[in-house]
Each structure stands twice: as C-alpha cells, then as structure tokens.
Amino acid sequence: MTPKLVYLVDLIFKKLENYKAKKIFLEKKLLNKFIVSLFKEK
C-alpha cells in the first residue's frame, strides 16, 4: 500500500472511531481491506 492510502485509512478509521451517534463496530484490518477493494475496482 502507498503511504497516501495508509494515511487515508488511518484518517477514516479515527473519524469513524470517534463517531458517537451510533455504535460502530469497526476493525482497522477490515476497513483497510474494504478501501483497497474500492481502489481495485476500476
């Protein structure tokens, strides 16, 4: 993964982790896998 993609995953993870309106169960590995799959589908 490129450093930009790693930064993007970290940023999204931190934002979602602090989201209090709803309880979100999120694992960083799964988020990372999901984002990578979005970039691969072109």
Protein backbone atom coordinates (compact mmCIF):
# COMPACT_ATOMS: atom_id res chain seq x y z
CA MET A 1 0.00 0.00 0.00
CA THR A 2 1.11 3.51 -0.71
CA PRO A 3 1.73 5.94 2.16
CA LYS A 4 -1.20 8.07 0.97
CA LEU A 5 -3.55 5.10 1.17
CA VAL A 6 -2.30 4.20 4.64
CA TYR A 7 -2.87 7.79 5.74
CA LEU A 8 -6.39 7.74 4.27
CA VAL A 9 -7.28 4.51 6.07
CA ASP A 10 -5.96 5.90 9.37
CA LEU A 11 -7.89 9.14 8.92
CA ILE A 12 -11.19 7.38 8.13
CA PHE A 13 -10.68 4.94 11.00
CA LYS A 14 -10.11 7.75 13.50
CA LYS A 15 -13.18 9.67 12.31
CA LEU A 16 -15.43 6.61 12.49
CA GLU A 17 -13.97 5.53 15.82
CA ASN A 18 -14.99 8.85 17.39
CA TYR A 19 -18.50 8.83 15.89
CA LYS A 20 -20.86 8.74 18.89
CA ALA A 21 -24.33 9.00 17.34
CA LYS A 22 -24.38 5.26 16.65
CA LYS A 23 -22.33 2.43 17.98
CA ILE A 24 -19.97 1.31 15.24
CA PHE A 25 -18.03 -1.93 15.44
CA LEU A 26 -15.02 -1.49 13.24
CA GLU A 27 -11.73 -3.26 12.86
CA LYS A 28 -8.91 -1.46 11.14
CA LYS A 29 -7.94 -4.52 9.09
CA LEU A 30 -11.46 -4.83 7.68
CA LEU A 31 -11.62 -1.13 6.86
CA ASN A 32 -8.26 -1.36 5.16
CA LYS A 33 -9.37 -4.38 3.10
CA PHE A 34 -12.58 -2.59 2.10
CA ILE A 35 -10.81 0.58 0.97
CA VAL A 36 -8.23 -1.36 -1.01
CA SER A 37 -11.03 -3.27 -2.75
CA LEU A 38 -12.67 0.03 -3.72
CA PHE A 39 -9.48 1.22 -5.39
CA LYS A 40 -9.01 -2.07 -7.24
CA GLU A 41 -12.47 -1.94 -8.85
CA LYS A 42 -11.86 0.32 -11.84
